[in-house]
Amino acid sequence: MLKAEHAQARAERKAKLQARIDALNAKLQEKLDQAKQRSEQIKGETEAKVQALQKRAAKAQGDARQAFGCAPAKIRGEYEERSRRLKGLAAEQLRKAAAQLEK
């Protein structure tokens, strides 16, 4: 009888641990989905800005045309920087989540 109680207690403990792991995995997946969605949103906004500036540059003349011509590269650079930071934050959250799972 004592062995049966011990086995049942272990099974209950394992079930609780698995439920916690599943909850953390679900939370992590949600965060990853949010980060991906935000990244795609930023990319779309950036491309829209670049296209708008390219249209304005095509219509502009002289020095204004040159100024508009440089702007898309600057905007794309800023996008790359934001994207790099978001990926870094996502990687850090993954490391934290993995550490929690190991506890």
N, C-alpha and C. Protein backbone atom coordinates (compact mmCIF):
# COMPACT_ATOMS: atom_id res chain seq x y z
N MET A 1 0.82 -1.19 0.00
CA MET A 1 0.00 0.00 0.00
C MET A 1 0.86 1.25 0.00
N LEU A 2 1.93 1.26 0.75
CA LEU A 2 2.82 2.41 0.81
C LEU A 2 3.46 2.67 -0.54
N LYS A 3 3.83 1.60 -1.25
CA LYS A 3 4.42 1.74 -2.58
C LYS A 3 3.42 2.36 -3.55
N ALA A 4 2.18 1.98 -3.46
CA ALA A 4 1.13 2.52 -4.34
C ALA A 4 0.94 4.00 -4.08
N GLU A 5 0.94 4.39 -2.79
CA GLU A 5 0.83 5.81 -2.45
C GLU A 5 2.02 6.58 -3.00
N HIS A 6 3.19 6.01 -2.86
CA HIS A 6 4.41 6.66 -3.37
C HIS A 6 4.33 6.84 -4.88
N ALA A 7 3.92 5.82 -5.59
CA ALA A 7 3.81 5.90 -7.05
C ALA A 7 2.77 6.94 -7.46
N GLN A 8 1.66 6.98 -6.74
CA GLN A 8 0.61 7.94 -7.06
C GLN A 8 1.09 9.37 -6.80
N ALA A 9 1.80 9.56 -5.69
CA ALA A 9 2.33 10.89 -5.36
C ALA A 9 3.31 11.35 -6.43
N ARG A 10 4.14 10.44 -6.90
CA ARG A 10 5.10 10.79 -7.96
C ARG A 10 4.36 11.16 -9.24
N ALA A 11 3.32 10.41 -9.56
CA ALA A 11 2.54 10.68 -10.77
C ALA A 11 1.86 12.04 -10.68
N GLU A 12 1.32 12.37 -9.52
CA GLU A 12 0.67 13.67 -9.33
C GLU A 12 1.69 14.79 -9.46
N ARG A 13 2.86 14.59 -8.89
CA ARG A 13 3.93 15.61 -8.97
C ARG A 13 4.36 15.80 -10.42
N LYS A 14 4.51 14.70 -11.15
CA LYS A 14 4.88 14.78 -12.56
C LYS A 14 3.82 15.51 -13.36
N ALA A 15 2.57 15.23 -13.06
CA ALA A 15 1.46 15.89 -13.78
C ALA A 15 1.48 17.39 -13.53
N LYS A 16 1.73 17.79 -12.28
CA LYS A 16 1.80 19.22 -11.95
C LYS A 16 2.97 19.87 -12.69
N LEU A 17 4.11 19.20 -12.69
CA LEU A 17 5.28 19.74 -13.38
C LEU A 17 5.02 19.85 -14.89
N GLN A 18 4.39 18.84 -15.45
CA GLN A 18 4.09 18.87 -16.89
C GLN A 18 3.12 19.99 -17.21
N ALA A 19 2.15 20.21 -16.34
CA ALA A 19 1.19 21.30 -16.55
C ALA A 19 1.91 22.65 -16.51
N ARG A 20 2.85 22.78 -15.61
CA ARG A 20 3.62 24.04 -15.53
C ARG A 20 4.48 24.22 -16.78
N ILE A 21 5.11 23.16 -17.22
CA ILE A 21 5.92 23.22 -18.44
C ILE A 21 5.06 23.59 -19.63
N ASP A 22 3.90 22.98 -19.74
CA ASP A 22 2.98 23.27 -20.85
C ASP A 22 2.54 24.73 -20.82
N ALA A 23 2.25 25.24 -19.63
CA ALA A 23 1.83 26.64 -19.50
C ALA A 23 2.95 27.58 -19.92
N LEU A 24 4.17 27.28 -19.49
CA LEU A 24 5.31 28.12 -19.87
C LEU A 24 5.58 28.04 -21.37
N ASN A 25 5.44 26.86 -21.94
CA ASN A 25 5.62 26.73 -23.39
C ASN A 25 4.56 27.53 -24.15
N ALA A 26 3.34 27.50 -23.68
CA ALA A 26 2.26 28.25 -24.33
C ALA A 26 2.52 29.76 -24.23
N LYS A 27 2.96 30.19 -23.07
CA LYS A 27 3.28 31.61 -22.87
C LYS A 27 4.43 32.03 -23.77
N LEU A 28 5.43 31.19 -23.87
CA LEU A 28 6.58 31.47 -24.72
C LEU A 28 6.16 31.55 -26.18
N GLN A 29 5.33 30.62 -26.62
CA GLN A 29 4.86 30.63 -28.01
C GLN A 29 4.06 31.89 -28.30
N GLU A 30 3.25 32.30 -27.34
CA GLU A 30 2.46 33.54 -27.51
C GLU A 30 3.38 34.74 -27.68
N LYS A 31 4.43 34.82 -26.86
CA LYS A 31 5.38 35.92 -26.95
C LYS A 31 6.11 35.90 -28.30
N LEU A 32 6.48 34.71 -28.74
CA LEU A 32 7.16 34.61 -30.04
C LEU A 32 6.24 35.04 -31.18
N ASP A 33 4.99 34.65 -31.10
CA ASP A 33 4.01 35.05 -32.12
C ASP A 33 3.83 36.56 -32.12
N GLN A 34 3.77 37.17 -30.93
CA GLN A 34 3.62 38.61 -30.83
C GLN A 34 4.84 39.33 -31.42
N ALA A 35 6.02 38.81 -31.12
CA ALA A 35 7.24 39.41 -31.64
C ALA A 35 7.29 39.31 -33.16
N LYS A 36 6.89 38.17 -33.69
CA LYS A 36 6.89 37.99 -35.14
C LYS A 36 5.88 38.94 -35.80
N GLN A 37 4.71 39.04 -35.20
CA GLN A 37 3.68 39.93 -35.74
C GLN A 37 4.17 41.39 -35.71
N ARG A 38 4.79 41.79 -34.62
CA ARG A 38 5.31 43.16 -34.51
C ARG A 38 6.40 43.41 -35.53
N SER A 39 7.26 42.43 -35.72
CA SER A 39 8.33 42.55 -36.70
C SER A 39 7.76 42.72 -38.11
N GLU A 40 6.75 41.95 -38.43
CA GLU A 40 6.12 42.06 -39.74
C GLU A 40 5.44 43.42 -39.91
N GLN A 41 4.84 43.91 -38.83
CA GLN A 41 4.19 45.22 -38.87
C GLN A 41 5.23 46.31 -39.12
N ILE A 42 6.33 46.26 -38.42
CA ILE A 42 7.39 47.25 -38.59
C ILE A 42 7.94 47.20 -40.01
N LYS A 43 8.12 46.00 -40.52
CA LYS A 43 8.63 45.84 -41.88
C LYS A 43 7.67 46.47 -42.89
N GLY A 44 6.37 46.22 -42.72
CA GLY A 44 5.37 46.80 -43.62
C GLY A 44 5.36 48.32 -43.56
N GLU A 45 5.43 48.86 -42.34
CA GLU A 45 5.46 50.31 -42.18
C GLU A 45 6.70 50.91 -42.83
N THR A 46 7.81 50.24 -42.65
CA THR A 46 9.06 50.73 -43.24
C THR A 46 8.98 50.75 -44.76
N GLU A 47 8.49 49.68 -45.34
CA GLU A 47 8.39 49.61 -46.79
C GLU A 47 7.42 50.67 -47.33
N ALA A 48 6.35 50.92 -46.60
CA ALA A 48 5.39 51.95 -47.01
C ALA A 48 6.06 53.33 -47.00
N LYS A 49 6.85 53.61 -45.96
CA LYS A 49 7.57 54.88 -45.89
C LYS A 49 8.56 55.02 -47.04
N VAL A 50 9.29 53.94 -47.30
CA VAL A 50 10.29 53.97 -48.37
C VAL A 50 9.62 54.21 -49.72
N GLN A 51 8.54 53.53 -49.98
CA GLN A 51 7.84 53.71 -51.25
C GLN A 51 7.30 55.13 -51.38
N ALA A 52 6.77 55.69 -50.31
CA ALA A 52 6.26 57.06 -50.35
C ALA A 52 7.39 58.04 -50.64
N LEU A 53 8.52 57.83 -49.99
CA LEU A 53 9.66 58.72 -50.23
C LEU A 53 10.20 58.58 -51.66
N GLN A 54 10.21 57.37 -52.17
CA GLN A 54 10.68 57.16 -53.53
C GLN A 54 9.76 57.86 -54.54
N LYS A 55 8.47 57.83 -54.29
CA LYS A 55 7.52 58.54 -55.16
C LYS A 55 7.76 60.04 -55.09
N ARG A 56 7.97 60.54 -53.88
CA ARG A 56 8.24 61.98 -53.73
C ARG A 56 9.54 62.36 -54.40
N ALA A 57 10.54 61.49 -54.29
CA ALA A 57 11.84 61.76 -54.91
C ALA A 57 11.70 61.80 -56.43
N ALA A 58 10.87 60.92 -56.97
CA ALA A 58 10.68 60.89 -58.42
C ALA A 58 10.05 62.19 -58.92
N LYS A 59 9.21 62.81 -58.09
CA LYS A 59 8.53 64.05 -58.48
C LYS A 59 9.38 65.29 -58.18
N ALA A 60 10.31 65.19 -57.25
CA ALA A 60 11.12 66.34 -56.83
C ALA A 60 12.20 66.66 -57.85
N GLN A 61 12.76 67.84 -57.68
CA GLN A 61 13.82 68.27 -58.60
C GLN A 61 15.00 68.81 -57.80
N GLY A 62 16.18 68.77 -58.39
CA GLY A 62 17.38 69.36 -57.82
C GLY A 62 17.79 68.77 -56.49
N ASP A 63 18.10 69.69 -55.55
CA ASP A 63 18.58 69.28 -54.22
C ASP A 63 17.53 68.49 -53.45
N ALA A 64 16.27 68.83 -53.64
CA ALA A 64 15.20 68.11 -52.95
C ALA A 64 15.20 66.65 -53.38
N ARG A 65 15.44 66.42 -54.65
CA ARG A 65 15.46 65.05 -55.16
C ARG A 65 16.59 64.26 -54.50
N GLN A 66 17.73 64.89 -54.35
CA GLN A 66 18.87 64.23 -53.72
C GLN A 66 18.56 63.93 -52.25
N ALA A 67 17.93 64.87 -51.55
CA ALA A 67 17.59 64.67 -50.14
C ALA A 67 16.62 63.50 -49.99
N PHE A 68 15.61 63.45 -50.86
CA PHE A 68 14.66 62.34 -50.81
C PHE A 68 15.34 61.03 -51.18
N GLY A 69 16.32 61.10 -52.03
CA GLY A 69 17.02 59.88 -52.47
C GLY A 69 17.78 59.20 -51.35
N CYS A 70 18.27 59.97 -50.38
CA CYS A 70 19.03 59.42 -49.25
C CYS A 70 18.12 58.85 -48.16
N ALA A 71 16.92 59.38 -48.07
CA ALA A 71 16.02 59.01 -46.98
C ALA A 71 15.66 57.52 -46.95
N PRO A 72 15.36 56.88 -48.08
CA PRO A 72 15.01 55.44 -48.00
C PRO A 72 16.10 54.58 -47.38
N ALA A 73 17.35 54.88 -47.70
CA ALA A 73 18.45 54.11 -47.11
C ALA A 73 18.51 54.31 -45.60
N LYS A 74 18.26 55.55 -45.17
CA LYS A 74 18.26 55.84 -43.74
C LYS A 74 17.13 55.09 -43.04
N ILE A 75 15.96 55.11 -43.64
CA ILE A 75 14.80 54.43 -43.04
C ILE A 75 15.03 52.93 -42.99
N ARG A 76 15.58 52.38 -44.06
CA ARG A 76 15.87 50.94 -44.04
C ARG A 76 16.90 50.60 -42.97
N GLY A 77 17.89 51.46 -42.80
CA GLY A 77 18.89 51.24 -41.76
C GLY A 77 18.27 51.24 -40.37
N GLU A 78 17.35 52.19 -40.15
CA GLU A 78 16.66 52.25 -38.86
C GLU A 78 15.82 51.00 -38.64
N TYR A 79 15.18 50.53 -39.71
CA TYR A 79 14.39 49.30 -39.62
C TYR A 79 15.29 48.13 -39.23
N GLU A 80 16.43 48.01 -39.88
CA GLU A 80 17.35 46.91 -39.57
C GLU A 80 17.79 46.96 -38.11
N GLU A 81 18.03 48.17 -37.60
CA GLU A 81 18.44 48.32 -36.21
C GLU A 81 17.32 47.90 -35.27
N ARG A 82 16.09 48.34 -35.54
CA ARG A 82 14.96 47.94 -34.70
C ARG A 82 14.74 46.44 -34.76
N SER A 83 14.86 45.89 -35.93
CA SER A 83 14.68 44.46 -36.11
C SER A 83 15.74 43.68 -35.33
N ARG A 84 16.96 44.15 -35.38
CA ARG A 84 18.06 43.50 -34.64
C ARG A 84 17.78 43.54 -33.14
N ARG A 85 17.31 44.70 -32.64
CA ARG A 85 17.01 44.81 -31.22
C ARG A 85 15.86 43.90 -30.81
N LEU A 86 14.82 43.84 -31.63
CA LEU A 86 13.69 42.96 -31.32
C LEU A 86 14.12 41.50 -31.28
N LYS A 87 14.96 41.11 -32.23
CA LYS A 87 15.45 39.73 -32.25
C LYS A 87 16.29 39.44 -31.02
N GLY A 88 17.07 40.42 -30.59
CA GLY A 88 17.88 40.26 -29.38
C GLY A 88 17.01 40.10 -28.15
N LEU A 89 15.96 40.90 -28.07
CA LEU A 89 15.04 40.78 -26.94
C LEU A 89 14.32 39.44 -26.95
N ALA A 90 13.93 38.99 -28.12
CA ALA A 90 13.26 37.69 -28.22
C ALA A 90 14.21 36.57 -27.79
N ALA A 91 15.46 36.67 -28.21
CA ALA A 91 16.43 35.65 -27.82
C ALA A 91 16.64 35.65 -26.31
N GLU A 92 16.68 36.83 -25.71
CA GLU A 92 16.84 36.92 -24.26
C GLU A 92 15.64 36.30 -23.54
N GLN A 93 14.45 36.56 -24.04
CA GLN A 93 13.26 35.97 -23.43
C GLN A 93 13.27 34.45 -23.57
N LEU A 94 13.75 33.97 -24.70
CA LEU A 94 13.87 32.52 -24.89
C LEU A 94 14.83 31.92 -23.87
N ARG A 95 15.95 32.59 -23.65
CA ARG A 95 16.91 32.09 -22.67
C ARG A 95 16.29 32.06 -21.27
N LYS A 96 15.55 33.12 -20.92
CA LYS A 96 14.91 33.16 -19.61
C LYS A 96 13.87 32.06 -19.47
N ALA A 97 13.10 31.85 -20.54
CA ALA A 97 12.06 30.82 -20.50
C ALA A 97 12.70 29.44 -20.38
N ALA A 98 13.79 29.22 -21.11
CA ALA A 98 14.48 27.93 -21.02
C ALA A 98 15.02 27.72 -19.61
N ALA A 99 15.53 28.77 -19.01
CA ALA A 99 16.05 28.67 -17.64
C ALA A 99 14.93 28.32 -16.66
N GLN A 100 13.74 28.90 -16.88
CA GLN A 100 12.61 28.59 -16.01
C GLN A 100 12.20 27.13 -16.16
N LEU A 101 12.24 26.64 -17.38
CA LEU A 101 11.86 25.26 -17.62
C LEU A 101 12.83 24.30 -16.95
N GLU A 102 14.08 24.70 -16.84
CA GLU A 102 15.09 23.83 -16.24
C GLU A 102 14.97 23.79 -14.71
N LYS A 103 14.32 24.78 -14.14
CA LYS A 103 14.20 24.83 -12.66
C LYS A 103 13.29 23.75 -12.16
